Amino acid sequence: MSDAELDAFLHEQRTVICGTVDRDGAPHLMPLWYLVRDGELWAWTYAASQKIRNLERDPRATLVVEAGEHYDELRGVMLRTEAVIERAADFVAALGFALYERYLDTDRLPEEVRASIAKQAPKRVAIRFAEHSRVSWDHRKLAVAG
């Protein structure tokens, strides 16, 4: 995918699979809601989660966003990243507000949703995934053999 195609794809998709490395070296894969800021993926999660313990030990993360049901529809991207963890509650809350605005498709969250996010923020962290490399695919561009 071109940079413009990839940007559009990431803005239309809703879930990223985040791969980290467990203490024993095994992959740990978990879905996350995300948003794109200045070309980088951001997510939030609980500070006590396994993925955060893994990232504190080893900040490497591999992300996959994909779409399509049939082979000729498959498209996606794999990003190799270094995770940067942000812990300031105000920053984390602001990211939470932005995530919920994206996923609820609104620019004004109901007050009860904002209160819930603000209450969760001290227990959560924000993660910026700084990209090192990427591989993308779009099988819709493949020529169909006749």
C-alpha atoms as a PDB file:
ATOM      1  CA  MET A   1       0.000   0.000   0.000  1.00  0.00           C
ATOM      2  CA  SER A   2       1.124   3.545  -0.609  1.00  0.00           C
ATOM      3  CA  ASP A   3       1.483   5.868   2.389  1.00  0.00           C
ATOM      4  CA  ALA A   4      -1.863   7.501   1.540  1.00  0.00           C
ATOM      5  CA  GLU A   5      -3.592   4.118   1.161  1.00  0.00           C
ATOM      6  CA  LEU A   6      -2.115   2.918   4.438  1.00  0.00           C
ATOM      7  CA  ASP A   7      -3.200   6.080   6.251  1.00  0.00           C
ATOM      8  CA  ALA A   8      -6.769   5.682   4.953  1.00  0.00           C
ATOM      9  CA  PHE A   9      -6.770   1.971   5.852  1.00  0.00           C
ATOM     10  CA  LEU A  10      -5.609   2.619   9.428  1.00  0.00           C
ATOM     11  CA  HIS A  11      -8.244   5.315   9.887  1.00  0.00           C
ATOM     12  CA  GLU A  12     -11.059   3.019   8.733  1.00  0.00           C
ATOM     13  CA  GLN A  13     -10.067  -0.079  10.718  1.00  0.00           C
ATOM     14  CA  ARG A  14     -10.872  -0.424  14.400  1.00  0.00           C
ATOM     15  CA  THR A  15      -8.671  -3.060  16.048  1.00  0.00           C
ATOM     16  CA  VAL A  16      -4.937  -3.665  16.137  1.00  0.00           C
ATOM     17  CA  ILE A  17      -3.386  -6.925  17.302  1.00  0.00           C
ATOM     18  CA  CYS A  18      -0.429  -6.104  19.524  1.00  0.00           C
ATOM     19  CA  GLY A  19       2.319  -8.700  19.857  1.00  0.00           C
ATOM     20  CA  THR A  20       4.760  -8.499  22.763  1.00  0.00           C
ATOM     21  CA  VAL A  21       7.300 -10.951  24.169  1.00  0.00           C
ATOM     22  CA  ASP A  22       6.452 -12.814  27.385  1.00  0.00           C
ATOM     23  CA  ARG A  23       9.089 -13.469  30.050  1.00  0.00           C
ATOM     24  CA  ASP A  24       9.622 -16.989  28.643  1.00  0.00           C
ATOM     25  CA  GLY A  25      10.062 -15.644  25.083  1.00  0.00           C
ATOM     26  CA  ALA A  26       6.639 -16.731  23.862  1.00  0.00           C
ATOM     27  CA  PRO A  27       4.553 -14.289  21.824  1.00  0.00           C
ATOM     28  CA  HIS A  28       1.711 -12.546  23.649  1.00  0.00           C
ATOM     29  CA  LEU A  29      -0.987 -11.298  21.236  1.00  0.00           C
ATOM     30  CA  MET A  30      -3.845  -9.043  22.304  1.00  0.00           C
ATOM     31  CA  PRO A  31      -6.368  -6.805  20.516  1.00  0.00           C
ATOM     32  CA  LEU A  32      -6.444  -3.074  21.241  1.00  0.00           C
ATOM     33  CA  TRP A  33      -8.485  -0.096  20.188  1.00  0.00           C
ATOM     34  CA  TYR A  34      -6.193   2.484  18.630  1.00  0.00           C
ATOM     35  CA  LEU A  35      -5.990   5.852  16.990  1.00  0.00           C
ATOM     36  CA  VAL A  36      -3.510   7.455  14.644  1.00  0.00           C
ATOM     37  CA  ARG A  37      -1.731  10.650  15.713  1.00  0.00           C
ATOM     38  CA  ASP A  38       0.941  12.202  13.526  1.00  0.00           C
ATOM     39  CA  GLY A  39       1.280   8.934  11.635  1.00  0.00           C
ATOM     40  CA  GLU A  40       1.808   6.787  14.746  1.00  0.00           C
ATOM     41  CA  LEU A  41      -0.551   4.349  16.421  1.00  0.00           C
ATOM     42  CA  TRP A  42      -1.564   5.056  20.018  1.00  0.00           C
ATOM     43  CA  ALA A  43      -3.517   2.846  22.393  1.00  0.00           C
ATOM     44  CA  TRP A  44      -4.351   2.657  26.070  1.00  0.00           C
ATOM     45  CA  THR A  45      -4.603  -0.251  28.446  1.00  0.00           C
ATOM     46  CA  TYR A  46      -4.401  -1.098  32.127  1.00  0.00           C
ATOM     47  CA  ALA A  47      -0.968  -0.478  33.634  1.00  0.00           C
ATOM     48  CA  ALA A  48      -1.066  -3.879  35.357  1.00  0.00           C
ATOM     49  CA  SER A  49      -1.780  -5.798  32.129  1.00  0.00           C
ATOM     50  CA  GLN A  50       0.550  -8.511  30.884  1.00  0.00           C
ATOM     51  CA  LYS A  51       1.312  -6.576  27.701  1.00  0.00           C
ATOM     52  CA  ILE A  52       2.569  -3.611  29.736  1.00  0.00           C
ATOM     53  CA  ARG A  53       4.708  -5.840  31.953  1.00  0.00           C
ATOM     54  CA  ASN A  54       6.143  -7.298  28.753  1.00  0.00           C
ATOM     55  CA  LEU A  55       6.770  -3.860  27.218  1.00  0.00           C
ATOM     56  CA  GLU A  56       8.446  -2.612  30.389  1.00  0.00           C
ATOM     57  CA  ARG A  57      10.894  -5.506  30.085  1.00  0.00           C
ATOM     58  CA  ASP A  58      11.252  -5.317  26.281  1.00  0.00           C
ATOM     59  CA  PRO A  59       9.694  -2.346  24.435  1.00  0.00           C
ATOM     60  CA  ARG A  60       9.534  -4.117  21.068  1.00  0.00           C
ATOM     61  CA  ALA A  61       6.015  -4.660  19.767  1.00  0.00           C
ATOM     62  CA  THR A  62       4.714  -5.969  16.473  1.00  0.00           C
ATOM     63  CA  LEU A  63       1.314  -4.675  15.406  1.00  0.00           C
ATOM     64  CA  VAL A  64      -1.045  -6.119  12.798  1.00  0.00           C
ATOM     65  CA  VAL A  65      -4.148  -4.490  11.367  1.00  0.00           C
ATOM     66  CA  GLU A  66      -5.953  -6.505   8.727  1.00  0.00           C
ATOM     67  CA  ALA A  67      -9.217  -6.686   6.824  1.00  0.00           C
ATOM     68  CA  GLY A  68     -10.948  -8.975   4.360  1.00  0.00           C
ATOM     69  CA  GLU A  69     -12.747 -12.291   4.402  1.00  0.00           C
ATOM     70  CA  HIS A  70     -11.661 -13.931   1.150  1.00  0.00           C
ATOM     71  CA  TYR A  71      -8.126 -14.239  -0.219  1.00  0.00           C
ATOM     72  CA  ASP A  72      -8.681 -11.661  -2.955  1.00  0.00           C
ATOM     73  CA  GLU A  73      -9.947  -9.146  -0.370  1.00  0.00           C
ATOM     74  CA  LEU A  74      -7.121  -9.453   2.173  1.00  0.00           C
ATOM     75  CA  ARG A  75      -5.240  -6.303   3.047  1.00  0.00           C
ATOM     76  CA  GLY A  76      -3.312  -5.156   6.034  1.00  0.00           C
ATOM     77  CA  VAL A  77      -0.126  -3.939   7.589  1.00  0.00           C
ATOM     78  CA  MET A  78       2.433  -5.284  10.033  1.00  0.00           C
ATOM     79  CA  LEU A  79       4.367  -2.643  11.936  1.00  0.00           C
ATOM     80  CA  ARG A  80       7.533  -3.317  13.909  1.00  0.00           C
ATOM     81  CA  THR A  81       7.664  -0.748  16.668  1.00  0.00           C
ATOM     82  CA  GLU A  82       9.151   0.352  19.940  1.00  0.00           C
ATOM     83  CA  ALA A  83       6.512   1.114  22.547  1.00  0.00           C
ATOM     84  CA  VAL A  84       6.774   4.310  24.571  1.00  0.00           C
ATOM     85  CA  ILE A  85       4.629   4.212  27.701  1.00  0.00           C
ATOM     86  CA  GLU A  86       3.069   7.443  28.974  1.00  0.00           C
ATOM     87  CA  ARG A  87       1.761   7.409  32.543  1.00  0.00           C
ATOM     88  CA  ALA A  88       0.569  10.953  33.332  1.00  0.00           C
ATOM     89  CA  ALA A  89      -3.123  10.585  34.251  1.00  0.00           C
ATOM     90  CA  ASP A  90      -4.171  13.777  32.420  1.00  0.00           C
ATOM     91  CA  PHE A  91      -2.439  12.631  29.242  1.00  0.00           C
ATOM     92  CA  VAL A  92      -3.899   9.129  29.552  1.00  0.00           C
ATOM     93  CA  ALA A  93      -7.394  10.549  30.127  1.00  0.00           C
ATOM     94  CA  ALA A  94      -7.085  12.801  27.064  1.00  0.00           C
ATOM     95  CA  LEU A  95      -6.101   9.795  24.960  1.00  0.00           C
ATOM     96  CA  GLY A  96      -9.030   7.846  26.422  1.00  0.00           C
ATOM     97  CA  PHE A  97     -11.409  10.661  25.453  1.00  0.00           C
ATOM     98  CA  ALA A  98      -9.996  10.676  21.898  1.00  0.00           C
ATOM     99  CA  LEU A  99     -10.307   6.882  21.610  1.00  0.00           C
ATOM    100  CA  TYR A 100     -13.912   6.880  22.755  1.00  0.00           C
ATOM    101  CA  GLU A 101     -14.754   9.786  20.452  1.00  0.00           C
ATOM    102  CA  ARG A 102     -13.367   7.723  17.577  1.00  0.00           C
ATOM    103  CA  TYR A 103     -15.136   4.509  18.503  1.00  0.00           C
ATOM    104  CA  LEU A 104     -18.438   6.152  19.417  1.00  0.00           C
ATOM    105  CA  ASP A 105     -18.174   8.320  16.268  1.00  0.00           C
ATOM    106  CA  THR A 106     -18.778  11.592  18.064  1.00  0.00           C
ATOM    107  CA  ASP A 107     -16.916  14.795  18.830  1.00  0.00           C
ATOM    108  CA  ARG A 108     -18.751  15.249  22.124  1.00  0.00           C
ATOM    109  CA  LEU A 109     -18.812  12.439  24.669  1.00  0.00           C
ATOM    110  CA  PRO A 110     -21.693  12.178  27.133  1.00  0.00           C
ATOM    111  CA  GLU A 111     -20.650  13.378  30.575  1.00  0.00           C
ATOM    112  CA  GLU A 112     -21.100   9.928  32.129  1.00  0.00           C
ATOM    113  CA  VAL A 113     -18.665   8.457  29.559  1.00  0.00           C
ATOM    114  CA  ARG A 114     -16.128  11.228  30.232  1.00  0.00           C
ATOM    115  CA  ALA A 115     -16.452  10.598  33.978  1.00  0.00           C
ATOM    116  CA  SER A 116     -15.896   6.866  33.492  1.00  0.00           C
ATOM    117  CA  ILE A 117     -12.787   7.457  31.362  1.00  0.00           C
ATOM    118  CA  ALA A 118     -11.405   9.981  33.867  1.00  0.00           C
ATOM    119  CA  LYS A 119     -11.969   7.483  36.686  1.00  0.00           C
ATOM    120  CA  GLN A 120     -10.086   4.758  34.765  1.00  0.00           C
ATOM    121  CA  ALA A 121      -7.162   6.968  33.701  1.00  0.00           C
ATOM    122  CA  PRO A 122      -5.056   6.636  36.895  1.00  0.00           C
ATOM    123  CA  LYS A 123      -5.072   2.834  36.419  1.00  0.00           C
ATOM    124  CA  ARG A 124      -4.216   2.990  32.716  1.00  0.00           C
ATOM    125  CA  VAL A 125      -1.305   3.977  30.516  1.00  0.00           C
ATOM    126  CA  ALA A 126      -1.046   5.374  27.007  1.00  0.00           C
ATOM    127  CA  ILE A 127       1.201   3.604  24.523  1.00  0.00           C
ATOM    128  CA  ARG A 128       2.831   5.299  21.545  1.00  0.00           C
ATOM    129  CA  PHE A 129       4.069   2.771  19.021  1.00  0.00           C
ATOM    130  CA  ALA A 130       7.134   4.303  17.309  1.00  0.00           C
ATOM    131  CA  GLU A 131       7.441   2.537  13.953  1.00  0.00           C
ATOM    132  CA  HIS A 132      10.760   1.047  12.837  1.00  0.00           C
ATOM    133  CA  SER A 133       9.556  -0.795   9.744  1.00  0.00           C
ATOM    134  CA  ARG A 134       6.417  -1.989   7.993  1.00  0.00           C
ATOM    135  CA  VAL A 135       5.103  -4.513   5.537  1.00  0.00           C
ATOM    136  CA  SER A 136       1.715  -4.004   3.920  1.00  0.00           C
ATOM    137  CA  TRP A 137      -0.396  -6.013   1.512  1.00  0.00           C
ATOM    138  CA  ASP A 138      -3.513  -5.513  -0.569  1.00  0.00           C
ATOM    139  CA  HIS A 139      -4.668  -8.635  -2.391  1.00  0.00           C
ATOM    140  CA  ARG A 140      -7.357  -6.607  -4.139  1.00  0.00           C
ATOM    141  CA  LYS A 141      -4.521  -5.391  -6.406  1.00  0.00           C
ATOM    142  CA  LEU A 142      -3.490  -8.887  -7.472  1.00  0.00           C
ATOM    143  CA  ALA A 143      -4.303  -9.889 -11.014  1.00  0.00           C
ATOM    144  CA  VAL A 144      -6.803 -12.743 -11.098  1.00  0.00           C
ATOM    145  CA  ALA A 145      -5.549 -15.663 -13.185  1.00  0.00           C
ATOM    146  CA  GLY A 146      -8.135 -16.696 -15.755  1.00  0.00           C
END
